[in-house]
Amino acid sequence: MTTTRSNKSPERVRKIAIASTGAFVLALVIFIAVVLPAEFDRDPLGTGALLGLDALNSETVAAYQPHLVPHKTDEVELILEPFQSLEYKYRLDAGSGMVFSWESSGPLYVDMHAENTGTENGGEASFRIEEEAQNGMGVYTAPFIGLHGWFWENRTLETVVLRIHAAGFFIDATEFRSGGSTTSAPEAVFGN
């Protein structure tokens, strides 16, 4: 039995070589045009700036607070009798942040809002209103100097227990209830 060689073998090798070379060149172009700007802050072709890939290499993983207000924590438990309402607000500078969570033993009407105390005109801004909520949590950055927090109203016939937990760069906390207010100074985490 004799074996005959096909003339297609050298052609097949040539096609594989061309495809491999093309894949290598394409990978190199992608590396230079996309990976270098996005991962290594190098943009030799200017494609990173053009495509917005240079922003992916941002070193900012933490938002440091430039203010002199120390980091504080606050935990409070409040009672809302039937049809009673209250406000609980933190005094924050513009750009200061806090992490918060709250929960209640029953449904409450809630309005998360802020009062601007840094300008003559003042003003208020509402961020979230819910008719019947039993909890909320989030990260908040103050858009302006002022009082930032919540208005809660118990619209039921049951007494509701409300627990608030917050940590952040607030100056103090004020509870507004029945025409009066009480201000407290939550304790700083690491001194003043």
C-alpha atoms as a PDB file:
ATOM      1  CA  MET A   1       0.000   0.000   0.000  1.00  0.00           C
ATOM      2  CA  THR A   2       1.348   3.354  -0.986  1.00  0.00           C
ATOM      3  CA  THR A   3       0.592   6.579   0.756  1.00  0.00           C
ATOM      4  CA  THR A   4       0.112   9.668  -1.274  1.00  0.00           C
ATOM      5  CA  ARG A   5       0.871  13.048   0.132  1.00  0.00           C
ATOM      6  CA  SER A   6      -1.629  15.784  -0.266  1.00  0.00           C
ATOM      7  CA  ASN A   7      -0.579  19.164  -1.558  1.00  0.00           C
ATOM      8  CA  LYS A   8      -3.004  20.709   0.936  1.00  0.00           C
ATOM      9  CA  SER A   9      -0.692  20.234   3.930  1.00  0.00           C
ATOM     10  CA  PRO A  10       1.589  23.240   3.214  1.00  0.00           C
ATOM     11  CA  GLU A  11      -1.497  25.362   2.438  1.00  0.00           C
ATOM     12  CA  ARG A  12      -3.055  24.391   5.748  1.00  0.00           C
ATOM     13  CA  VAL A  13       0.133  25.299   7.661  1.00  0.00           C
ATOM     14  CA  ARG A  14       0.243  28.673   5.884  1.00  0.00           C
ATOM     15  CA  LYS A  15      -3.382  29.435   6.852  1.00  0.00           C
ATOM     16  CA  ILE A  16      -2.734  28.499  10.488  1.00  0.00           C
ATOM     17  CA  ALA A  17       0.368  30.725  10.527  1.00  0.00           C
ATOM     18  CA  ILE A  18      -1.579  33.651   9.055  1.00  0.00           C
ATOM     19  CA  ALA A  19      -4.450  33.177  11.521  1.00  0.00           C
ATOM     20  CA  SER A  20      -2.031  32.914  14.467  1.00  0.00           C
ATOM     21  CA  THR A  21      -0.142  36.018  13.365  1.00  0.00           C
ATOM     22  CA  GLY A  22      -3.405  37.922  12.912  1.00  0.00           C
ATOM     23  CA  ALA A  23      -4.632  36.863  16.372  1.00  0.00           C
ATOM     24  CA  PHE A  24      -1.327  37.953  17.931  1.00  0.00           C
ATOM     25  CA  VAL A  25      -1.429  41.350  16.190  1.00  0.00           C
ATOM     26  CA  LEU A  26      -5.076  41.877  17.220  1.00  0.00           C
ATOM     27  CA  ALA A  27      -4.281  40.930  20.840  1.00  0.00           C
ATOM     28  CA  LEU A  28      -1.347  43.348  20.833  1.00  0.00           C
ATOM     29  CA  VAL A  29      -3.533  46.183  19.483  1.00  0.00           C
ATOM     30  CA  ILE A  30      -6.211  45.477  22.122  1.00  0.00           C
ATOM     31  CA  PHE A  31      -3.559  45.398  24.828  1.00  0.00           C
ATOM     32  CA  ILE A  32      -2.064  48.740  23.758  1.00  0.00           C
ATOM     33  CA  ALA A  33      -5.395  50.468  22.993  1.00  0.00           C
ATOM     34  CA  VAL A  34      -7.548  49.123  25.840  1.00  0.00           C
ATOM     35  CA  VAL A  35      -5.696  47.244  28.585  1.00  0.00           C
ATOM     36  CA  LEU A  36      -2.798  49.672  29.081  1.00  0.00           C
ATOM     37  CA  PRO A  37      -5.071  52.720  29.620  1.00  0.00           C
ATOM     38  CA  ALA A  38      -7.627  50.865  31.754  1.00  0.00           C
ATOM     39  CA  GLU A  39      -5.269  48.852  33.954  1.00  0.00           C
ATOM     40  CA  PHE A  40      -1.850  50.509  33.921  1.00  0.00           C
ATOM     41  CA  ASP A  41      -2.560  54.224  33.352  1.00  0.00           C
ATOM     42  CA  ARG A  42      -0.569  54.193  30.090  1.00  0.00           C
ATOM     43  CA  ASP A  43      -2.225  55.617  26.980  1.00  0.00           C
ATOM     44  CA  PRO A  44       0.278  55.657  24.068  1.00  0.00           C
ATOM     45  CA  LEU A  45      -2.441  55.850  21.378  1.00  0.00           C
ATOM     46  CA  GLY A  46      -4.840  58.198  23.188  1.00  0.00           C
ATOM     47  CA  THR A  47      -7.643  55.604  23.021  1.00  0.00           C
ATOM     48  CA  GLY A  48      -8.013  55.502  26.811  1.00  0.00           C
ATOM     49  CA  ALA A  49      -8.984  59.169  26.958  1.00  0.00           C
ATOM     50  CA  LEU A  50     -11.108  58.858  23.821  1.00  0.00           C
ATOM     51  CA  LEU A  51     -13.079  55.857  25.134  1.00  0.00           C
ATOM     52  CA  GLY A  52     -13.094  56.920  28.802  1.00  0.00           C
ATOM     53  CA  LEU A  53     -11.010  53.918  29.814  1.00  0.00           C
ATOM     54  CA  ASP A  54      -8.506  55.969  31.771  1.00  0.00           C
ATOM     55  CA  ALA A  55     -11.175  56.489  34.446  1.00  0.00           C
ATOM     56  CA  LEU A  56     -11.177  52.740  35.120  1.00  0.00           C
ATOM     57  CA  ASN A  57      -7.665  53.020  36.508  1.00  0.00           C
ATOM     58  CA  SER A  58      -8.732  55.501  39.168  1.00  0.00           C
ATOM     59  CA  GLU A  59      -6.780  55.136  42.378  1.00  0.00           C
ATOM     60  CA  THR A  60      -9.692  56.546  44.412  1.00  0.00           C
ATOM     61  CA  VAL A  61     -11.183  53.741  46.452  1.00  0.00           C
ATOM     62  CA  ALA A  62     -11.965  55.833  49.528  1.00  0.00           C
ATOM     63  CA  ALA A  63     -13.548  59.241  49.918  1.00  0.00           C
ATOM     64  CA  TYR A  64     -11.532  60.877  52.664  1.00  0.00           C
ATOM     65  CA  GLN A  65     -13.342  63.536  54.650  1.00  0.00           C
ATOM     66  CA  PRO A  66     -11.388  66.807  54.589  1.00  0.00           C
ATOM     67  CA  HIS A  67     -13.347  68.246  57.504  1.00  0.00           C
ATOM     68  CA  LEU A  68     -12.229  68.649  61.082  1.00  0.00           C
ATOM     69  CA  VAL A  69     -15.343  66.876  62.365  1.00  0.00           C
ATOM     70  CA  PRO A  70     -14.347  63.539  63.905  1.00  0.00           C
ATOM     71  CA  HIS A  71     -15.979  60.248  62.968  1.00  0.00           C
ATOM     72  CA  LYS A  72     -18.894  59.545  65.316  1.00  0.00           C
ATOM     73  CA  THR A  73     -21.422  56.822  65.931  1.00  0.00           C
ATOM     74  CA  ASP A  74     -24.969  57.147  67.204  1.00  0.00           C
ATOM     75  CA  GLU A  75     -27.508  54.565  68.341  1.00  0.00           C
ATOM     76  CA  VAL A  76     -30.890  55.614  69.631  1.00  0.00           C
ATOM     77  CA  GLU A  77     -34.224  53.965  70.418  1.00  0.00           C
ATOM     78  CA  LEU A  78     -37.349  56.112  70.192  1.00  0.00           C
ATOM     79  CA  ILE A  79     -40.998  55.371  70.989  1.00  0.00           C
ATOM     80  CA  LEU A  80     -43.842  56.603  68.794  1.00  0.00           C
ATOM     81  CA  GLU A  81     -47.271  56.353  70.368  1.00  0.00           C
ATOM     82  CA  PRO A  82     -50.329  56.010  68.064  1.00  0.00           C
ATOM     83  CA  PHE A  83     -50.599  59.000  65.699  1.00  0.00           C
ATOM     84  CA  GLN A  84     -47.424  60.562  67.075  1.00  0.00           C
ATOM     85  CA  SER A  85     -44.621  61.960  64.895  1.00  0.00           C
ATOM     86  CA  LEU A  86     -41.017  63.017  65.368  1.00  0.00           C
ATOM     87  CA  GLU A  87     -37.962  64.140  63.442  1.00  0.00           C
ATOM     88  CA  TYR A  88     -34.410  62.948  64.021  1.00  0.00           C
ATOM     89  CA  LYS A  89     -31.680  64.871  62.219  1.00  0.00           C
ATOM     90  CA  TYR A  90     -27.910  65.111  62.083  1.00  0.00           C
ATOM     91  CA  ARG A  91     -26.058  68.377  61.543  1.00  0.00           C
ATOM     92  CA  LEU A  92     -23.609  67.847  58.667  1.00  0.00           C
ATOM     93  CA  ASP A  93     -21.278  70.059  56.678  1.00  0.00           C
ATOM     94  CA  ALA A  94     -21.544  69.989  52.870  1.00  0.00           C
ATOM     95  CA  GLY A  95     -19.747  66.904  51.545  1.00  0.00           C
ATOM     96  CA  SER A  96     -19.748  65.078  54.889  1.00  0.00           C
ATOM     97  CA  GLY A  97     -21.014  61.531  54.805  1.00  0.00           C
ATOM     98  CA  MET A  98     -22.710  58.990  57.009  1.00  0.00           C
ATOM     99  CA  VAL A  99     -23.847  55.390  56.869  1.00  0.00           C
ATOM    100  CA  PHE A 100     -27.238  54.737  58.450  1.00  0.00           C
ATOM    101  CA  SER A 101     -29.841  52.106  59.137  1.00  0.00           C
ATOM    102  CA  TRP A 102     -33.121  52.242  60.967  1.00  0.00           C
ATOM    103  CA  GLU A 103     -35.863  49.755  61.781  1.00  0.00           C
ATOM    104  CA  SER A 104     -39.221  49.895  63.487  1.00  0.00           C
ATOM    105  CA  SER A 105     -41.540  47.396  65.132  1.00  0.00           C
ATOM    106  CA  GLY A 106     -44.449  48.601  62.987  1.00  0.00           C
ATOM    107  CA  PRO A 107     -45.148  50.534  59.792  1.00  0.00           C
ATOM    108  CA  LEU A 108     -44.289  54.236  59.733  1.00  0.00           C
ATOM    109  CA  TYR A 109     -44.709  57.078  57.287  1.00  0.00           C
ATOM    110  CA  VAL A 110     -41.165  58.332  56.596  1.00  0.00           C
ATOM    111  CA  ASP A 111     -39.705  61.337  54.780  1.00  0.00           C
ATOM    112  CA  MET A 112     -35.907  61.481  54.501  1.00  0.00           C
ATOM    113  CA  HIS A 113     -35.052  65.112  53.926  1.00  0.00           C
ATOM    114  CA  ALA A 114     -32.622  67.928  54.706  1.00  0.00           C
ATOM    115  CA  GLU A 115     -32.827  71.592  55.637  1.00  0.00           C
ATOM    116  CA  ASN A 116     -30.208  73.939  54.208  1.00  0.00           C
ATOM    117  CA  THR A 117     -28.890  76.165  57.003  1.00  0.00           C
ATOM    118  CA  GLY A 118     -25.878  77.457  55.084  1.00  0.00           C
ATOM    119  CA  THR A 119     -27.649  80.146  53.053  1.00  0.00           C
ATOM    120  CA  GLU A 120     -30.022  83.018  53.809  1.00  0.00           C
ATOM    121  CA  ASN A 121     -32.789  81.470  51.720  1.00  0.00           C
ATOM    122  CA  GLY A 122     -32.401  78.066  53.355  1.00  0.00           C
ATOM    123  CA  GLY A 123     -34.735  75.562  51.788  1.00  0.00           C
ATOM    124  CA  GLU A 124     -35.509  71.884  52.086  1.00  0.00           C
ATOM    125  CA  ALA A 125     -34.908  68.857  49.905  1.00  0.00           C
ATOM    126  CA  SER A 126     -36.741  65.529  50.192  1.00  0.00           C
ATOM    127  CA  PHE A 127     -34.852  62.406  49.152  1.00  0.00           C
ATOM    128  CA  ARG A 128     -37.226  59.533  49.912  1.00  0.00           C
ATOM    129  CA  ILE A 129     -40.829  59.325  51.050  1.00  0.00           C
ATOM    130  CA  GLU A 130     -42.557  56.061  51.957  1.00  0.00           C
ATOM    131  CA  GLU A 131     -46.124  55.608  53.191  1.00  0.00           C
ATOM    132  CA  GLU A 132     -45.540  52.403  55.178  1.00  0.00           C
ATOM    133  CA  ALA A 133     -41.941  51.467  55.880  1.00  0.00           C
ATOM    134  CA  GLN A 134     -40.345  49.433  58.647  1.00  0.00           C
ATOM    135  CA  ASN A 135     -36.686  49.915  57.797  1.00  0.00           C
ATOM    136  CA  GLY A 136     -34.208  51.838  55.726  1.00  0.00           C
ATOM    137  CA  MET A 137     -30.468  51.892  55.197  1.00  0.00           C
ATOM    138  CA  GLY A 138     -27.923  53.584  53.035  1.00  0.00           C
ATOM    139  CA  VAL A 139     -24.948  55.838  52.560  1.00  0.00           C
ATOM    140  CA  TYR A 140     -25.637  59.560  52.545  1.00  0.00           C
ATOM    141  CA  THR A 141     -23.456  62.515  51.519  1.00  0.00           C
ATOM    142  CA  ALA A 142     -24.734  65.941  52.540  1.00  0.00           C
ATOM    143  CA  PRO A 143     -25.319  68.152  49.483  1.00  0.00           C
ATOM    144  CA  PHE A 144     -25.221  71.292  51.659  1.00  0.00           C
ATOM    145  CA  ILE A 145     -24.645  72.482  55.234  1.00  0.00           C
ATOM    146  CA  GLY A 146     -27.642  71.767  57.404  1.00  0.00           C
ATOM    147  CA  LEU A 147     -29.840  69.301  59.229  1.00  0.00           C
ATOM    148  CA  HIS A 148     -30.197  65.935  57.494  1.00  0.00           C
ATOM    149  CA  GLY A 149     -32.481  63.142  58.629  1.00  0.00           C
ATOM    150  CA  TRP A 150     -36.009  61.829  58.824  1.00  0.00           C
ATOM    151  CA  PHE A 151     -39.573  62.659  59.728  1.00  0.00           C
ATOM    152  CA  TRP A 152     -41.477  59.609  61.008  1.00  0.00           C
ATOM    153  CA  GLU A 153     -45.174  59.368  61.749  1.00  0.00           C
ATOM    154  CA  ASN A 154     -47.014  56.472  63.379  1.00  0.00           C
ATOM    155  CA  ARG A 155     -50.393  56.280  61.633  1.00  0.00           C
ATOM    156  CA  THR A 156     -51.502  53.142  63.470  1.00  0.00           C
ATOM    157  CA  LEU A 157     -53.250  52.369  66.766  1.00  0.00           C
ATOM    158  CA  GLU A 158     -50.151  50.507  68.057  1.00  0.00           C
ATOM    159  CA  THR A 159     -47.065  51.875  69.810  1.00  0.00           C
ATOM    160  CA  VAL A 160     -44.005  51.578  67.556  1.00  0.00           C
ATOM    161  CA  VAL A 161     -40.378  51.243  68.662  1.00  0.00           C
ATOM    162  CA  LEU A 162     -37.883  52.923  66.291  1.00  0.00           C
ATOM    163  CA  ARG A 163     -34.156  52.106  66.364  1.00  0.00           C
ATOM    164  CA  ILE A 164     -31.606  54.268  64.516  1.00  0.00           C
ATOM    165  CA  HIS A 165     -27.938  53.417  63.914  1.00  0.00           C
ATOM    166  CA  ALA A 166     -25.605  55.911  62.233  1.00  0.00           C
ATOM    167  CA  ALA A 167     -21.884  56.415  61.787  1.00  0.00           C
ATOM    168  CA  GLY A 168     -20.301  59.334  60.045  1.00  0.00           C
ATOM    169  CA  PHE A 169     -18.987  62.868  60.168  1.00  0.00           C
ATOM    170  CA  PHE A 170     -21.931  64.595  61.818  1.00  0.00           C
ATOM    171  CA  ILE A 171     -21.594  67.355  64.390  1.00  0.00           C
ATOM    172  CA  ASP A 172     -24.593  66.509  66.564  1.00  0.00           C
ATOM    173  CA  ALA A 173     -28.046  64.921  66.509  1.00  0.00           C
ATOM    174  CA  THR A 174     -31.376  66.589  67.281  1.00  0.00           C
ATOM    175  CA  GLU A 175     -34.759  65.038  68.058  1.00  0.00           C
ATOM    176  CA  PHE A 176     -37.759  67.246  67.262  1.00  0.00           C
ATOM    177  CA  ARG A 177     -40.998  66.208  68.944  1.00  0.00           C
ATOM    178  CA  SER A 178     -44.192  67.951  70.099  1.00  0.00           C
ATOM    179  CA  GLY A 179     -42.939  71.465  69.450  1.00  0.00           C
ATOM    180  CA  GLY A 180     -39.650  70.957  71.312  1.00  0.00           C
ATOM    181  CA  SER A 181     -36.194  69.675  70.506  1.00  0.00           C
ATOM    182  CA  THR A 182     -33.364  67.855  72.241  1.00  0.00           C
ATOM    183  CA  THR A 183     -29.815  67.976  70.892  1.00  0.00           C
ATOM    184  CA  SER A 184     -27.184  65.392  71.766  1.00  0.00           C
ATOM    185  CA  ALA A 185     -23.515  65.083  70.859  1.00  0.00           C
ATOM    186  CA  PRO A 186     -22.787  61.518  69.750  1.00  0.00           C
ATOM    187  CA  GLU A 187     -19.424  60.271  70.925  1.00  0.00           C
ATOM    188  CA  ALA A 188     -16.419  60.474  68.633  1.00  0.00           C
ATOM    189  CA  VAL A 189     -14.910  57.121  67.698  1.00  0.00           C
ATOM    190  CA  PHE A 190     -11.249  58.223  68.152  1.00  0.00           C
ATOM    191  CA  GLY A 191     -11.233  61.337  70.319  1.00  0.00           C
ATOM    192  CA  ASN A 192     -11.682  64.867  69.029  1.00  0.00           C
END
